């Protein structure tokens, strides 16, 4: 069984299918990471702006 899998693996590396699958996997991981990072930055910016707005509401004037 391992022999057949190894033979198919070698054939796929020569045909370029494995290279394409690896590229697609790297692209997918990079995309998910980028979107997650962007969402985290947007959430952080919203929290900072919200705290600034709340602080303005609590201003005391005499």
PDB file of N, CA and C in Angstrom:
ATOM      1  N   UNK A   1       0.827  -1.197   0.000  1.00  0.00           N
ATOM      2  CA  UNK A   1       0.000   0.000   0.000  1.00  0.00           C
ATOM      3  C   UNK A   1       0.872   1.263   0.000  1.00  0.00           C
ATOM      4  N   UNK A   2       1.911   1.257   0.823  1.00  0.00           N
ATOM      5  CA  UNK A   2       2.819   2.404   0.871  1.00  0.00           C
ATOM      6  C   UNK A   2       3.542   2.578  -0.454  1.00  0.00           C
ATOM      7  N   UNK A   3       3.824   1.472  -1.094  1.00  0.00           N
ATOM      8  CA  UNK A   3       4.528   1.502  -2.373  1.00  0.00           C
ATOM      9  C   UNK A   3       3.696   2.216  -3.445  1.00  0.00           C
ATOM     10  N   UNK A   4       2.411   1.936  -3.472  1.00  0.00           N
ATOM     11  CA  UNK A   4       1.518   2.576  -4.449  1.00  0.00           C
ATOM     12  C   UNK A   4       1.398   4.069  -4.151  1.00  0.00           C
ATOM     13  N   UNK A   5       1.259   4.400  -2.880  1.00  0.00           N
ATOM     14  CA  UNK A   5       1.148   5.814  -2.500  1.00  0.00           C
ATOM     15  C   UNK A   5       2.419   6.569  -2.862  1.00  0.00           C
ATOM     16  N   UNK A   6       3.574   5.946  -2.646  1.00  0.00           N
ATOM     17  CA  UNK A   6       4.845   6.595  -2.973  1.00  0.00           C
ATOM     18  C   UNK A   6       4.970   6.800  -4.477  1.00  0.00           C
ATOM     19  N   UNK A   7       4.551   5.823  -5.253  1.00  0.00           N
ATOM     20  CA  UNK A   7       4.616   5.923  -6.708  1.00  0.00           C
ATOM     21  C   UNK A   7       3.707   7.054  -7.208  1.00  0.00           C
ATOM     22  N   UNK A   8       2.516   7.144  -6.649  1.00  0.00           N
ATOM     23  CA  UNK A   8       1.600   8.219  -7.044  1.00  0.00           C
ATOM     24  C   UNK A   8       2.144   9.583  -6.622  1.00  0.00           C
ATOM     25  N   UNK A   9       2.753   9.649  -5.469  1.00  0.00           N
ATOM     26  CA  UNK A   9       3.350  10.904  -5.006  1.00  0.00           C
ATOM     27  C   UNK A   9       4.441  11.373  -5.961  1.00  0.00           C
ATOM     28  N   UNK A  10       5.308  10.472  -6.370  1.00  0.00           N
ATOM     29  CA  UNK A  10       6.369  10.834  -7.315  1.00  0.00           C
ATOM     30  C   UNK A  10       5.786  11.275  -8.653  1.00  0.00           C
ATOM     31  N   UNK A  11       4.755  10.595  -9.130  1.00  0.00           N
ATOM     32  CA  UNK A  11       4.127  10.957 -10.394  1.00  0.00           C
ATOM     33  C   UNK A  11       3.475  12.339 -10.292  1.00  0.00           C
ATOM     34  N   UNK A  12       2.827  12.623  -9.173  1.00  0.00           N
ATOM     35  CA  UNK A  12       2.181  13.927  -8.993  1.00  0.00           C
ATOM     36  C   UNK A  12       3.197  15.061  -8.921  1.00  0.00           C
ATOM     37  N   UNK A  13       4.354  14.802  -8.326  1.00  0.00           N
ATOM     38  CA  UNK A  13       5.363  15.862  -8.270  1.00  0.00           C
ATOM     39  C   UNK A  13       5.911  16.172  -9.652  1.00  0.00           C
ATOM     40  N   UNK A  14       6.001  15.175 -10.499  1.00  0.00           N
ATOM     41  CA  UNK A  14       6.480  15.415 -11.861  1.00  0.00           C
ATOM     42  C   UNK A  14       5.434  16.105 -12.721  1.00  0.00           C
ATOM     43  N   UNK A  15       4.166  15.823 -12.482  1.00  0.00           N
ATOM     44  CA  UNK A  15       3.115  16.395 -13.330  1.00  0.00           C
ATOM     45  C   UNK A  15       2.774  17.833 -12.950  1.00  0.00           C
ATOM     46  N   UNK A  16       3.137  18.268 -11.773  1.00  0.00           N
ATOM     47  CA  UNK A  16       2.868  19.639 -11.358  1.00  0.00           C
ATOM     48  C   UNK A  16       1.595  19.794 -10.554  1.00  0.00           C
ATOM     49  N   UNK A  17       0.820  18.730 -10.421  1.00  0.00           N
ATOM     50  CA  UNK A  17      -0.429  18.824  -9.658  1.00  0.00           C
ATOM     51  C   UNK A  17      -0.154  19.099  -8.181  1.00  0.00           C
ATOM     52  N   UNK A  18       0.861  18.461  -7.666  1.00  0.00           N
ATOM     53  CA  UNK A  18       1.196  18.664  -6.255  1.00  0.00           C
ATOM     54  C   UNK A  18       1.675  20.090  -6.013  1.00  0.00           C
ATOM     55  N   UNK A  19       2.413  20.627  -6.940  1.00  0.00           N
ATOM     56  CA  UNK A  19       2.889  22.009  -6.828  1.00  0.00           C
ATOM     57  C   UNK A  19       1.703  22.980  -6.823  1.00  0.00           C
ATOM     58  N   UNK A  20       0.730  22.712  -7.684  1.00  0.00           N
ATOM     59  CA  UNK A  20      -0.459  23.563  -7.745  1.00  0.00           C
ATOM     60  C   UNK A  20      -1.266  23.466  -6.449  1.00  0.00           C
ATOM     61  N   UNK A  21      -1.421  22.259  -5.920  1.00  0.00           N
ATOM     62  CA  UNK A  21      -2.160  22.081  -4.668  1.00  0.00           C
ATOM     63  C   UNK A  21      -1.447  22.774  -3.511  1.00  0.00           C
ATOM     64  N   UNK A  22      -0.131  22.695  -3.480  1.00  0.00           N
ATOM     65  CA  UNK A  22       0.641  23.364  -2.433  1.00  0.00           C
ATOM     66  C   UNK A  22       0.494  24.873  -2.532  1.00  0.00           C
ATOM     67  N   UNK A  23       0.543  25.393  -3.750  1.00  0.00           N
ATOM     68  CA  UNK A  23       0.359  26.832  -3.950  1.00  0.00           C
ATOM     69  C   UNK A  23      -1.035  27.273  -3.507  1.00  0.00           C
ATOM     70  N   UNK A  24      -2.057  26.484  -3.857  1.00  0.00           N
ATOM     71  CA  UNK A  24      -3.428  26.821  -3.469  1.00  0.00           C
ATOM     72  C   UNK A  24      -3.586  26.800  -1.951  1.00  0.00           C
ATOM     73  N   UNK A  25      -2.964  25.834  -1.298  1.00  0.00           N
ATOM     74  CA  UNK A  25      -3.038  25.752   0.160  1.00  0.00           C
ATOM     75  C   UNK A  25      -2.354  26.946   0.812  1.00  0.00           C
ATOM     76  N   UNK A  26      -1.187  27.320   0.310  1.00  0.00           N
ATOM     77  CA  UNK A  26      -0.478  28.488   0.850  1.00  0.00           C
ATOM     78  C   UNK A  26      -1.279  29.768   0.632  1.00  0.00           C
ATOM     79  N   UNK A  27      -1.896  29.894  -0.519  1.00  0.00           N
ATOM     80  CA  UNK A  27      -2.718  31.066  -0.806  1.00  0.00           C
ATOM     81  C   UNK A  27      -3.921  31.134   0.127  1.00  0.00           C
ATOM     82  N   UNK A  28      -4.554  29.994   0.384  1.00  0.00           N
ATOM     83  CA  UNK A  28      -5.711  29.961   1.277  1.00  0.00           C
ATOM     84  C   UNK A  28      -5.317  30.330   2.707  1.00  0.00           C
ATOM     85  N   UNK A  29      -4.223  29.783   3.194  1.00  0.00           N
ATOM     86  CA  UNK A  29      -3.764  30.090   4.555  1.00  0.00           C
ATOM     87  C   UNK A  29      -3.397  31.562   4.669  1.00  0.00           C
ATOM     88  N   UNK A  30      -2.716  32.084   3.671  1.00  0.00           N
ATOM     89  CA  UNK A  30      -2.358  33.504   3.681  1.00  0.00           C
ATOM     90  C   UNK A  30      -3.575  34.409   3.661  1.00  0.00           C
ATOM     91  N   UNK A  31      -4.585  34.033   2.887  1.00  0.00           N
ATOM     92  CA  UNK A  31      -5.802  34.844   2.808  1.00  0.00           C
ATOM     93  C   UNK A  31      -6.544  34.864   4.137  1.00  0.00           C
ATOM     94  N   UNK A  32      -6.684  33.708   4.749  1.00  0.00           N
ATOM     95  CA  UNK A  32      -7.383  33.630   6.039  1.00  0.00           C
ATOM     96  C   UNK A  32      -6.627  34.416   7.104  1.00  0.00           C
ATOM     97  N   UNK A  33      -5.318  34.317   7.105  1.00  0.00           N
ATOM     98  CA  UNK A  33      -4.502  35.055   8.066  1.00  0.00           C
ATOM     99  C   UNK A  33      -4.637  36.558   7.861  1.00  0.00           C
ATOM    100  N   UNK A  34      -4.613  36.996   6.615  1.00  0.00           N
ATOM    101  CA  UNK A  34      -4.729  38.426   6.314  1.00  0.00           C
ATOM    102  C   UNK A  34      -6.086  38.970   6.732  1.00  0.00           C
ATOM    103  N   UNK A  35      -7.143  38.242   6.440  1.00  0.00           N
ATOM    104  CA  UNK A  35      -8.483  38.694   6.822  1.00  0.00           C
ATOM    105  C   UNK A  35      -8.613  38.743   8.340  1.00  0.00           C
ATOM    106  N   UNK A  36      -8.100  37.740   9.030  1.00  0.00           N
ATOM    107  CA  UNK A  36      -8.147  37.739  10.491  1.00  0.00           C
ATOM    108  C   UNK A  36      -7.384  38.909  11.087  1.00  0.00           C
ATOM    109  N   UNK A  37      -6.220  39.205  10.540  1.00  0.00           N
ATOM    110  CA  UNK A  37      -5.420  40.334  11.011  1.00  0.00           C
ATOM    111  C   UNK A  37      -6.154  41.646  10.765  1.00  0.00           C
ATOM    112  N   UNK A  38      -6.763  41.798   9.592  1.00  0.00           N
ATOM    113  CA  UNK A  38      -7.500  43.014   9.255  1.00  0.00           C
ATOM    114  C   UNK A  38      -8.700  43.203  10.183  1.00  0.00           C
ATOM    115  N   UNK A  39      -9.434  42.143  10.447  1.00  0.00           N
ATOM    116  CA  UNK A  39     -10.598  42.228  11.339  1.00  0.00           C
ATOM    117  C   UNK A  39     -10.162  42.623  12.744  1.00  0.00           C
ATOM    118  N   UNK A  40      -9.051  42.076  13.207  1.00  0.00           N
ATOM    119  CA  UNK A  40      -8.539  42.415  14.535  1.00  0.00           C
ATOM    120  C   UNK A  40      -8.169  43.893  14.617  1.00  0.00           C
ATOM    121  N   UNK A  41      -7.535  44.416  13.572  1.00  0.00           N
ATOM    122  CA  UNK A  41      -7.152  45.836  13.552  1.00  0.00           C
ATOM    123  C   UNK A  41      -8.377  46.744  13.510  1.00  0.00           C
ATOM    124  N   UNK A  42      -9.391  46.371  12.754  1.00  0.00           N
ATOM    125  CA  UNK A  42     -10.614  47.179  12.692  1.00  0.00           C
ATOM    126  C   UNK A  42     -11.308  47.182  14.050  1.00  0.00           C
ATOM    127  N   UNK A  43     -11.376  46.006  14.694  1.00  0.00           N
ATOM    128  CA  UNK A  43     -11.996  45.926  16.022  1.00  0.00           C
ATOM    129  C   UNK A  43     -11.246  46.796  17.026  1.00  0.00           C
ATOM    130  N   UNK A  44      -9.930  46.761  16.972  1.00  0.00           N
ATOM    131  CA  UNK A  44      -9.117  47.572  17.878  1.00  0.00           C
ATOM    132  C   UNK A  44      -9.345  49.063  17.634  1.00  0.00           C
ATOM    133  N   UNK A  45      -9.415  49.468  16.377  1.00  0.00           N
ATOM    134  CA  UNK A  45      -9.657  50.880  16.060  1.00  0.00           C
ATOM    135  C   UNK A  45     -11.032  51.323  16.546  1.00  0.00           C
ATOM    136  N   UNK A  46     -12.027  50.471  16.403  1.00  0.00           N
ATOM    137  CA  UNK A  46     -13.380  50.810  16.873  1.00  0.00           C
ATOM    138  C   UNK A  46     -13.393  50.937  18.394  1.00  0.00           C
ATOM    139  N   UNK A  47     -12.703  50.042  19.092  1.00  0.00           N
ATOM    140  CA  UNK A  47     -12.651  50.127  20.557  1.00  0.00           C
ATOM    141  C   UNK A  47     -11.961  51.412  21.013  1.00  0.00           C
ATOM    142  N   UNK A  48     -10.896  51.806  20.340  1.00  0.00           N
ATOM    143  CA  UNK A  48     -10.185  53.036  20.709  1.00  0.00           C
ATOM    144  C   UNK A  48     -11.075  54.250  20.484  1.00  0.00           C
ATOM    145  N   UNK A  49     -11.761  54.293  19.350  1.00  0.00           N
ATOM    146  CA  UNK A  49     -12.641  55.428  19.066  1.00  0.00           C
ATOM    147  C   UNK A  49     -13.835  55.450  20.011  1.00  0.00           C
ATOM    148  N   UNK A  50     -14.348  54.278  20.366  1.00  0.00           N
ATOM    149  CA  UNK A  50     -15.487  54.224  21.278  1.00  0.00           C
ATOM    150  C   UNK A  50     -15.092  54.725  22.663  1.00  0.00           C
ATOM    151  N   UNK A  51     -13.911  54.370  23.125  1.00  0.00           N
ATOM    152  CA  UNK A  51     -13.487  54.842  24.446  1.00  0.00           C
ATOM    153  C   UNK A  51     -13.264  56.351  24.434  1.00  0.00           C
ATOM    154  N   UNK A  52     -12.808  56.903  23.316  1.00  0.00           N
ATOM    155  CA  UNK A  52     -12.635  58.355  23.219  1.00  0.00           C
ATOM    156  C   UNK A  52     -13.993  59.054  23.240  1.00  0.00           C
ATOM    157  N   UNK A  53     -14.980  58.477  22.586  1.00  0.00           N
ATOM    158  CA  UNK A  53     -16.315  59.077  22.587  1.00  0.00           C
ATOM    159  C   UNK A  53     -16.956  58.988  23.967  1.00  0.00           C
ATOM    160  N   UNK A  54     -16.776  57.870  24.645  1.00  0.00           N
ATOM    161  CA  UNK A  54     -17.336  57.730  25.986  1.00  0.00           C
ATOM    162  C   UNK A  54     -16.670  58.695  26.958  1.00  0.00           C
ATOM    163  N   UNK A  55     -15.391  58.892  26.815  1.00  0.00           N
ATOM    164  CA  UNK A  55     -14.686  59.825  27.694  1.00  0.00           C
ATOM    165  C   UNK A  55     -15.181  61.244  27.476  1.00  0.00           C
ATOM    166  N   UNK A  56     -15.545  61.595  26.259  1.00  0.00           N
ATOM    167  CA  UNK A  56     -16.053  62.932  25.978  1.00  0.00           C
ATOM    168  C   UNK A  56     -17.414  63.132  26.634  1.00  0.00           C
ATOM    169  N   UNK A  57     -18.201  62.078  26.739  1.00  0.00           N
ATOM    170  CA  UNK A  57     -19.510  62.186  27.372  1.00  0.00           C
ATOM    171  C   UNK A  57     -19.391  62.390  28.885  1.00  0.00           C
ATOM    172  N   UNK A  58     -18.292  61.977  29.460  1.00  0.00           N
ATOM    173  CA  UNK A  58     -18.130  62.081  30.898  1.00  0.00           C
ATOM    174  C   UNK A  58     -17.417  63.363  31.329  1.00  0.00           C
ATOM    175  N   UNK A  59     -17.207  64.270  30.415  1.00  0.00           N
ATOM    176  CA  UNK A  59     -16.518  65.517  30.751  1.00  0.00           C
ATOM    177  C   UNK A  59     -17.379  66.346  31.700  1.00  0.00           C
ATOM    178  N   UNK A  60     -16.734  66.897  32.717  1.00  0.00           N
ATOM    179  CA  UNK A  60     -17.435  67.706  33.711  1.00  0.00           C
ATOM    180  C   UNK A  60     -17.013  69.155  33.527  1.00  0.00           C
ATOM    181  N   UNK A  61     -18.003  70.016  33.400  1.00  0.00           N
ATOM    182  CA  UNK A  61     -17.721  71.446  33.274  1.00  0.00           C
ATOM    183  C   UNK A  61     -18.258  72.155  34.506  1.00  0.00           C
ATOM    184  N   UNK A  62     -17.549  73.172  34.935  1.00  0.00           N
ATOM    185  CA  UNK A  62     -18.035  73.902  36.111  1.00  0.00           C
ATOM    186  C   UNK A  62     -18.402  75.321  35.760  1.00  0.00           C
TER     187      UNK A  62
END
